[in-house]
PDB file of N, CA and C in Angstrom:
ATOM      1  N   MET A   1     -47.887-297.512 -62.093  1.00  0.00           N
ATOM      2  CA  MET A   1     -48.133-296.796 -61.200  1.00  0.00           C
ATOM      3  C   MET A   1     -47.621-294.911 -62.195  1.00  0.00           C
ATOM      4  N   ARG A   2     -48.224-294.355 -62.476  1.00  0.00           N
ATOM      5  CA  ARG A   2     -47.960-292.794 -62.784  1.00  0.00           C
ATOM      6  C   ARG A   2     -48.338-291.648 -61.473  1.00  0.00           C
ATOM      7  N   VAL A   3     -47.808-290.952 -60.998  1.00  0.00           N
ATOM      8  CA  VAL A   3     -47.854-289.704 -60.025  1.00  0.00           C
ATOM      9  C   VAL A   3     -47.795-288.547 -61.036  1.00  0.00           C
ATOM     10  N   THR A   4     -48.786-287.997 -60.974  1.00  0.00           N
ATOM     11  CA  THR A   4     -48.841-286.325 -61.357  1.00  0.00           C
ATOM     12  C   THR A   4     -49.589-285.399 -59.843  1.00  0.00           C
ATOM     13  N   ILE A   5     -49.436-284.136 -60.110  1.00  0.00           N
ATOM     14  CA  ILE A   5     -49.616-283.116 -59.043  1.00  0.00           C
ATOM     15  C   ILE A   5     -50.256-282.078 -59.815  1.00  0.00           C
ATOM     16  N   ASN A   6     -50.923-281.324 -58.889  1.00  0.00           N
ATOM     17  CA  ASN A   6     -51.423-280.239 -59.968  1.00  0.00           C
ATOM     18  C   ASN A   6     -51.005-278.813 -58.819  1.00  0.00           C
ATOM     19  N   PRO A   7     -49.991-278.322 -59.018  1.00  0.00           N
ATOM     20  CA  PRO A   7     -49.453-277.655 -57.882  1.00  0.00           C
ATOM     21  C   PRO A   7     -50.330-276.641 -57.892  1.00  0.00           C
ATOM     22  N   THR A   8     -51.598-276.149 -58.570  1.00  0.00           N
ATOM     23  CA  THR A   8     -51.724-274.680 -58.460  1.00  0.00           C
ATOM     24  C   THR A   8     -53.632-275.151 -57.337  1.00  0.00           C
ATOM     25  N   THR A   9     -53.460-276.496 -57.070  1.00  0.00           N
ATOM     26  CA  THR A   9     -53.903-276.326 -55.783  1.00  0.00           C
ATOM     27  C   THR A   9     -53.515-276.666 -54.213  1.00  0.00           C
ATOM     28  N   CYS A  10     -52.276-277.097 -54.615  1.00  0.00           N
ATOM     29  CA  CYS A  10     -51.152-277.365 -53.379  1.00  0.00           C
ATOM     30  C   CYS A  10     -51.640-276.520 -52.080  1.00  0.00           C
ATOM     31  N   ILE A  11     -51.474-276.710 -51.293  1.00  0.00           N
ATOM     32  CA  ILE A  11     -51.506-275.843 -49.992  1.00  0.00           C
ATOM     33  C   ILE A  11     -50.506-275.912 -48.515  1.00  0.00           C
ATOM     34  N   ALA A  12     -49.609-276.887 -48.842  1.00  0.00           N
ATOM     35  CA  ALA A  12     -48.061-276.603 -48.903  1.00  0.00           C
ATOM     36  C   ALA A  12     -48.310-277.650 -47.062  1.00  0.00           C
ATOM     37  N   SER A  13     -49.144-278.563 -47.257  1.00  0.00           N
ATOM     38  CA  SER A  13     -49.768-279.359 -46.250  1.00  0.00           C
ATOM     39  C   SER A  13     -48.366-280.218 -45.292  1.00  0.00           C
ATOM     40  N   GLY A  14     -47.566-280.568 -46.362  1.00  0.00           N
ATOM     41  CA  GLY A  14     -46.412-281.186 -46.190  1.00  0.00           C
ATOM     42  C   GLY A  14     -46.698-282.858 -46.075  1.00  0.00           C
ATOM     43  N   ASN A  15     -47.899-283.324 -46.081  1.00  0.00           N
ATOM     44  CA  ASN A  15     -48.474-284.684 -45.800  1.00  0.00           C
ATOM     45  C   ASN A  15     -47.367-285.471 -46.587  1.00  0.00           C
ATOM     46  N   CYS A  16     -47.489-285.211 -47.927  1.00  0.00           N
ATOM     47  CA  CYS A  16     -47.240-286.145 -49.012  1.00  0.00           C
ATOM     48  C   CYS A  16     -45.433-286.138 -48.566  1.00  0.00           C
ATOM     49  N   GLY A  17     -44.707-285.558 -48.407  1.00  0.00           N
ATOM     50  CA  GLY A  17     -43.004-284.930 -48.297  1.00  0.00           C
ATOM     51  C   GLY A  17     -43.101-286.090 -47.201  1.00  0.00           C
ATOM     52  N   ARG A  18     -43.762-285.746 -45.529  1.00  0.00           N
ATOM     53  CA  ARG A  18     -43.538-286.806 -45.077  1.00  0.00           C
ATOM     54  C   ARG A  18     -44.004-288.330 -44.988  1.00  0.00           C
ATOM     55  N   THR A  19     -45.093-288.896 -45.984  1.00  0.00           N
ATOM     56  CA  THR A  19     -45.189-290.020 -45.876  1.00  0.00           C
ATOM     57  C   THR A  19     -44.803-290.980 -46.781  1.00  0.00           C
ATOM     58  N   ALA A  20     -44.630-290.335 -48.168  1.00  0.00           N
ATOM     59  CA  ALA A  20     -43.621-291.059 -49.301  1.00  0.00           C
ATOM     60  C   ALA A  20     -42.215-289.796 -49.730  1.00  0.00           C
ATOM     61  N   PRO A  21     -41.693-289.834 -49.011  1.00  0.00           N
ATOM     62  CA  PRO A  21     -40.422-288.689 -49.360  1.00  0.00           C
ATOM     63  C   PRO A  21     -39.501-289.518 -50.379  1.00  0.00           C
ATOM     64  N   ARG A  22     -39.443-290.388 -50.520  1.00  0.00           N
ATOM     65  CA  ARG A  22     -39.073-290.804 -52.119  1.00  0.00           C
ATOM     66  C   ARG A  22     -39.690-290.361 -53.616  1.00  0.00           C
ATOM     67  N   VAL A  23     -41.043-290.368 -53.077  1.00  0.00           N
ATOM     68  CA  VAL A  23     -41.978-289.953 -54.440  1.00  0.00           C
ATOM     69  C   VAL A  23     -42.081-288.086 -54.220  1.00  0.00           C
ATOM     70  N   PHE A  24     -42.260-287.588 -53.212  1.00  0.00           N
ATOM     71  CA  PHE A  24     -42.714-286.439 -53.101  1.00  0.00           C
ATOM     72  C   PHE A  24     -41.803-285.229 -52.330  1.00  0.00           C
ATOM     73  N   ALA A  25     -41.515-283.856 -52.542  1.00  0.00           N
ATOM     74  CA  ALA A  25     -40.950-283.265 -51.546  1.00  0.00           C
ATOM     75  C   ALA A  25     -41.935-282.048 -51.526  1.00  0.00           C
ATOM     76  N   ASN A  26     -41.409-281.574 -50.096  1.00  0.00           N
ATOM     77  CA  ASN A  26     -41.413-280.106 -49.541  1.00  0.00           C
ATOM     78  C   ASN A  26     -40.861-279.372 -49.403  1.00  0.00           C
ATOM     79  N   ARG A  27     -39.757-278.950 -50.370  1.00  0.00           N
ATOM     80  CA  ARG A  27     -38.681-277.981 -50.017  1.00  0.00           C
ATOM     81  C   ARG A  27     -39.576-276.383 -49.390  1.00  0.00           C
ATOM     82  N   THR A  28     -38.238-276.561 -48.794  1.00  0.00           N
ATOM     83  CA  THR A  28     -38.520-274.551 -47.766  1.00  0.00           C
ATOM     84  C   THR A  28     -37.910-273.754 -48.842  1.00  0.00           C
ATOM     85  N   GLU A  29     -37.306-274.124 -50.136  1.00  0.00           N
ATOM     86  CA  GLU A  29     -37.231-272.794 -50.995  1.00  0.00           C
ATOM     87  C   GLU A  29     -38.313-272.621 -52.017  1.00  0.00           C
ATOM     88  N   ASP A  30     -39.529-273.742 -51.830  1.00  0.00           N
ATOM     89  CA  ASP A  30     -40.764-273.635 -52.507  1.00  0.00           C
ATOM     90  C   ASP A  30     -41.709-273.437 -51.671  1.00  0.00           C
ATOM     91  N   ASP A  31     -41.351-272.990 -50.014  1.00  0.00           N
ATOM     92  CA  ASP A  31     -42.320-272.439 -49.543  1.00  0.00           C
ATOM     93  C   ASP A  31     -42.932-274.141 -49.116  1.00  0.00           C
ATOM     94  N   GLY A  32     -42.021-274.943 -49.057  1.00  0.00           N
ATOM     95  CA  GLY A  32     -43.177-276.440 -48.665  1.00  0.00           C
ATOM     96  C   GLY A  32     -44.211-276.791 -49.519  1.00  0.00           C
ATOM     97  N   PHE A  33     -44.131-276.346 -50.850  1.00  0.00           N
ATOM     98  CA  PHE A  33     -44.975-276.691 -51.843  1.00  0.00           C
ATOM     99  C   PHE A  33     -44.611-277.541 -52.418  1.00  0.00           C
ATOM    100  N   VAL A  34     -45.391-278.635 -52.901  1.00  0.00           N
ATOM    101  CA  VAL A  34     -45.259-280.111 -53.609  1.00  0.00           C
ATOM    102  C   VAL A  34     -44.180-280.312 -54.609  1.00  0.00           C
ATOM    103  N   SER A  35     -43.586-280.615 -54.503  1.00  0.00           N
ATOM    104  CA  SER A  35     -42.608-281.463 -56.307  1.00  0.00           C
ATOM    105  C   SER A  35     -42.412-282.394 -55.742  1.00  0.00           C
ATOM    106  N   LEU A  36     -42.494-283.062 -57.082  1.00  0.00           N
ATOM    107  CA  LEU A  36     -42.591-284.239 -57.311  1.00  0.00           C
ATOM    108  C   LEU A  36     -41.221-285.260 -57.831  1.00  0.00           C
ATOM    109  N   ILE A  37     -41.005-285.882 -56.976  1.00  0.00           N
ATOM    110  CA  ILE A  37     -39.437-286.459 -57.683  1.00  0.00           C
ATOM    111  C   ILE A  37     -39.328-287.753 -58.343  1.00  0.00           C
ATOM    112  N   ASP A  38     -40.393-288.579 -58.103  1.00  0.00           N
ATOM    113  CA  ASP A  38     -41.005-289.789 -58.968  1.00  0.00           C
ATOM    114  C   ASP A  38     -41.844-289.527 -59.486  1.00  0.00           C
ATOM    115  N   GLU A  39     -42.308-289.661 -60.901  1.00  0.00           N
ATOM    116  CA  GLU A  39     -43.786-290.063 -61.232  1.00  0.00           C
ATOM    117  C   GLU A  39     -44.226-291.356 -61.730  1.00  0.00           C
ATOM    118  N   ASN A  40     -43.143-291.977 -61.971  1.00  0.00           N
ATOM    119  CA  ASN A  40     -43.158-293.347 -61.842  1.00  0.00           C
ATOM    120  C   ASN A  40     -42.385-294.159 -60.815  1.00  0.00           C
ATOM    121  N   PRO A  41     -42.809-294.139 -59.147  1.00  0.00           N
ATOM    122  CA  PRO A  41     -42.263-294.383 -58.349  1.00  0.00           C
ATOM    123  C   PRO A  41     -42.283-295.991 -58.628  1.00  0.00           C
ATOM    124  N   PRO A  42     -41.094-297.195 -57.600  1.00  0.00           N
ATOM    125  CA  PRO A  42     -40.874-298.365 -57.596  1.00  0.00           C
ATOM    126  C   PRO A  42     -41.862-298.976 -57.059  1.00  0.00           C
ATOM    127  N   GLU A  43     -42.518-300.473 -57.135  1.00  0.00           N
ATOM    128  CA  GLU A  43     -43.531-300.587 -56.280  1.00  0.00           C
ATOM    129  C   GLU A  43     -43.574-300.872 -54.656  1.00  0.00           C
ATOM    130  N   ALA A  44     -42.324-300.302 -54.280  1.00  0.00           N
ATOM    131  CA  ALA A  44     -42.077-300.579 -52.896  1.00  0.00           C
ATOM    132  C   ALA A  44     -42.358-299.421 -52.498  1.00  0.00           C
ATOM    133  N   GLU A  45     -42.936-298.480 -52.954  1.00  0.00           N
ATOM    134  CA  GLU A  45     -43.435-296.938 -53.133  1.00  0.00           C
ATOM    135  C   GLU A  45     -44.713-296.804 -52.958  1.00  0.00           C
ATOM    136  N   TRP A  46     -45.767-297.991 -53.476  1.00  0.00           N
ATOM    137  CA  TRP A  46     -46.652-297.551 -53.875  1.00  0.00           C
ATOM    138  C   TRP A  46     -48.324-297.457 -52.855  1.00  0.00           C
ATOM    139  N   ALA A  47     -47.971-298.084 -51.784  1.00  0.00           N
ATOM    140  CA  ALA A  47     -48.658-297.992 -50.784  1.00  0.00           C
ATOM    141  C   ALA A  47     -47.918-296.805 -50.109  1.00  0.00           C
ATOM    142  N   SER A  48     -47.223-295.933 -49.724  1.00  0.00           N
ATOM    143  CA  SER A  48     -46.804-295.013 -49.532  1.00  0.00           C
ATOM    144  C   SER A  48     -47.182-293.977 -50.234  1.00  0.00           C
ATOM    145  N   THR A  49     -47.134-293.632 -51.429  1.00  0.00           N
ATOM    146  CA  THR A  49     -47.801-293.128 -52.476  1.00  0.00           C
ATOM    147  C   THR A  49     -49.193-293.047 -52.590  1.00  0.00           C
ATOM    148  N   ARG A  50     -50.119-294.218 -52.798  1.00  0.00           N
ATOM    149  CA  ARG A  50     -51.484-293.882 -52.232  1.00  0.00           C
ATOM    150  C   ARG A  50     -52.126-293.327 -51.086  1.00  0.00           C
ATOM    151  N   GLU A  51     -51.121-293.275 -49.791  1.00  0.00           N
ATOM    152  CA  GLU A  51     -51.480-293.175 -48.517  1.00  0.00           C
ATOM    153  C   GLU A  51     -51.389-291.451 -48.442  1.00  0.00           C
ATOM    154  N   ALA A  52     -50.049-290.961 -49.395  1.00  0.00           N
ATOM    155  CA  ALA A  52     -49.912-289.613 -49.959  1.00  0.00           C
ATOM    156  C   ALA A  52     -51.026-289.275 -50.317  1.00  0.00           C
ATOM    157  N   GLU A  53     -51.481-290.101 -51.296  1.00  0.00           N
ATOM    158  CA  GLU A  53     -52.866-289.394 -52.067  1.00  0.00           C
ATOM    159  C   GLU A  53     -54.158-289.151 -50.908  1.00  0.00           C
ATOM    160  N   ASN A  54     -54.722-289.820 -50.589  1.00  0.00           N
ATOM    161  CA  ASN A  54     -55.510-290.202 -49.330  1.00  0.00           C
ATOM    162  C   ASN A  54     -55.348-288.778 -48.402  1.00  0.00           C
ATOM    163  N   LEU A  55     -54.221-288.835 -48.161  1.00  0.00           N
ATOM    164  CA  LEU A  55     -53.913-287.458 -46.964  1.00  0.00           C
ATOM    165  C   LEU A  55     -53.825-286.505 -47.156  1.00  0.00           C
ATOM    166  N   CYS A  56     -53.696-286.102 -48.646  1.00  0.00           N
ATOM    167  CA  CYS A  56     -53.455-284.803 -48.753  1.00  0.00           C
ATOM    168  C   CYS A  56     -55.168-284.202 -49.434  1.00  0.00           C
ATOM    169  N   PRO A  57     -55.041-282.809 -48.687  1.00  0.00           N
ATOM    170  CA  PRO A  57     -56.008-282.434 -48.111  1.00  0.00           C
ATOM    171  C   PRO A  57     -56.830-281.485 -48.878  1.00  0.00           C
ATOM    172  N   SER A  58     -55.747-281.440 -50.234  1.00  0.00           N
ATOM    173  CA  SER A  58     -56.184-280.282 -51.286  1.00  0.00           C
ATOM    174  C   SER A  58     -56.449-281.619 -52.812  1.00  0.00           C
ATOM    175  N   ALA A  59     -56.682-282.340 -52.302  1.00  0.00           N
ATOM    176  CA  ALA A  59     -56.837-283.148 -53.329  1.00  0.00           C
ATOM    177  C   ALA A  59     -55.417-282.914 -54.413  1.00  0.00           C
ATOM    178  N   THR A  60     -54.691-282.545 -54.158  1.00  0.00           N
ATOM    179  CA  THR A  60     -53.377-282.621 -55.450  1.00  0.00           C
ATOM    180  C   THR A  60     -52.570-283.371 -56.097  1.00  0.00           C
ATOM    181  N   ILE A  61     -52.567-284.427 -55.403  1.00  0.00           N
ATOM    182  CA  ILE A  61     -52.410-285.920 -56.017  1.00  0.00           C
ATOM    183  C   ILE A  61     -53.093-286.593 -56.432  1.00  0.00           C
ATOM    184  N   SER A  62     -52.973-286.910 -57.771  1.00  0.00           N
ATOM    185  CA  SER A  62     -53.410-287.874 -58.739  1.00  0.00           C
ATOM    186  C   SER A  62     -52.776-289.039 -59.337  1.00  0.00           C
ATOM    187  N   ILE A  63     -53.062-290.304 -58.894  1.00  0.00           N
ATOM    188  CA  ILE A  63     -52.269-291.551 -59.677  1.00  0.00           C
ATOM    189  C   ILE A  63     -53.234-292.316 -60.532  1.00  0.00           C
ATOM    190  N   GLU A  64     -52.356-292.565 -61.650  1.00  0.00           N
ATOM    191  CA  GLU A  64     -53.409-293.452 -62.330  1.00  0.00           C
ATOM    192  C   GLU A  64     -52.706-294.762 -62.061  1.00  0.00           C
ATOM    193  N   GLU A  65     -53.449-295.891 -62.189  1.00  0.00           N
ATOM    194  CA  GLU A  65     -53.066-297.373 -62.369  1.00  0.00           C
ATOM    195  C   GLU A  65     -52.598-297.803 -63.533  1.00  0.00           C
ATOM    196  N   ASP A  66     -52.158-298.545 -63.786  1.00  0.00           N
ATOM    197  CA  ASP A  66     -52.031-299.557 -65.235  1.00  0.00           C
ATOM    198  C   ASP A  66     -52.653-300.555 -64.553  1.00  0.00           C
ATOM    199  N   ASP A  67     -53.081-301.831 -65.604  1.00  0.00           N
ATOM    200  CA  ASP A  67     -53.167-303.278 -65.463  1.00  0.00           C
ATOM    201  C   ASP A  67     -52.732-303.992 -64.702  1.00  0.00           C
ATOM    202  N   ALA A  68     -51.303-303.674 -64.440  1.00  0.00           N
ATOM    203  CA  ALA A  68     -50.104-304.661 -63.950  1.00  0.00           C
ATOM    204  C   ALA A  68     -50.106-304.717 -62.887  1.00  0.00           C
ATOM    205  N   ASP A  69     -50.529-302.847 -62.275  1.00  0.00           N
ATOM    206  CA  ASP A  69     -50.268-302.349 -60.873  1.00  0.00           C
ATOM    207  C   ASP A  69     -51.555-303.213 -60.290  1.00  0.00           C
ATOM    208  N   GLU A  70     -52.667-303.479 -60.991  1.00  0.00           N
ATOM    209  CA  GLU A  70     -54.357-304.199 -60.106  1.00  0.00           C
ATOM    210  C   GLU A  70     -53.733-305.506 -60.564  1.00  0.00           C
ATOM    211  N   VAL A  71     -53.477-306.330 -61.339  1.00  0.00           N
ATOM    212  CA  VAL A  71     -52.999-307.488 -61.075  1.00  0.00           C
ATOM    213  C   VAL A  71     -51.795-308.084 -60.071  1.00  0.00           C
ATOM    214  N   SER A  72     -51.132-307.106 -59.761  1.00  0.00           N
ATOM    215  CA  SER A  72     -50.071-307.475 -58.608  1.00  0.00           C
ATOM    216  C   SER A  72     -50.736-307.206 -57.519  1.00  0.00           C
ATOM    217  N   GLY A  73     -51.976-307.107 -57.241  1.00  0.00           N
ATOM    218  CA  GLY A  73     -52.690-306.956 -55.910  1.00  0.00           C
ATOM    219  C   GLY A  73     -52.601-305.736 -54.621  1.00  0.00           C
ATOM    220  N   SER A  74     -51.917-304.915 -55.708  1.00  0.00           N
ATOM    221  CA  SER A  74     -51.318-303.899 -55.005  1.00  0.00           C
ATOM    222  C   SER A  74     -52.323-302.620 -55.039  1.00  0.00           C
ATOM    223  N   ALA A  75     -53.768-302.344 -55.716  1.00  0.00           N
ATOM    224  CA  ALA A  75     -54.534-301.574 -56.336  1.00  0.00           C
ATOM    225  C   ALA A  75     -55.446-301.466 -54.496  1.00  0.00           C
TER     226      ALA A  75
END
């Protein structure tokens, strides 16, 4: 799994940082806008990362799955 963000579309809702805090941060010093902590999160973070992508109201988060991700049944 590879995660990317588009900071120009972020509206600082904070959903991503609350849902997957090991992958995303919404820091006060950045006015709550998203920062990517881990662009290749471990498998243990995949479900919360996908949920954060689904909850993002501005479609700021993109996830690229590789074949191994899909084979493991986590897709």
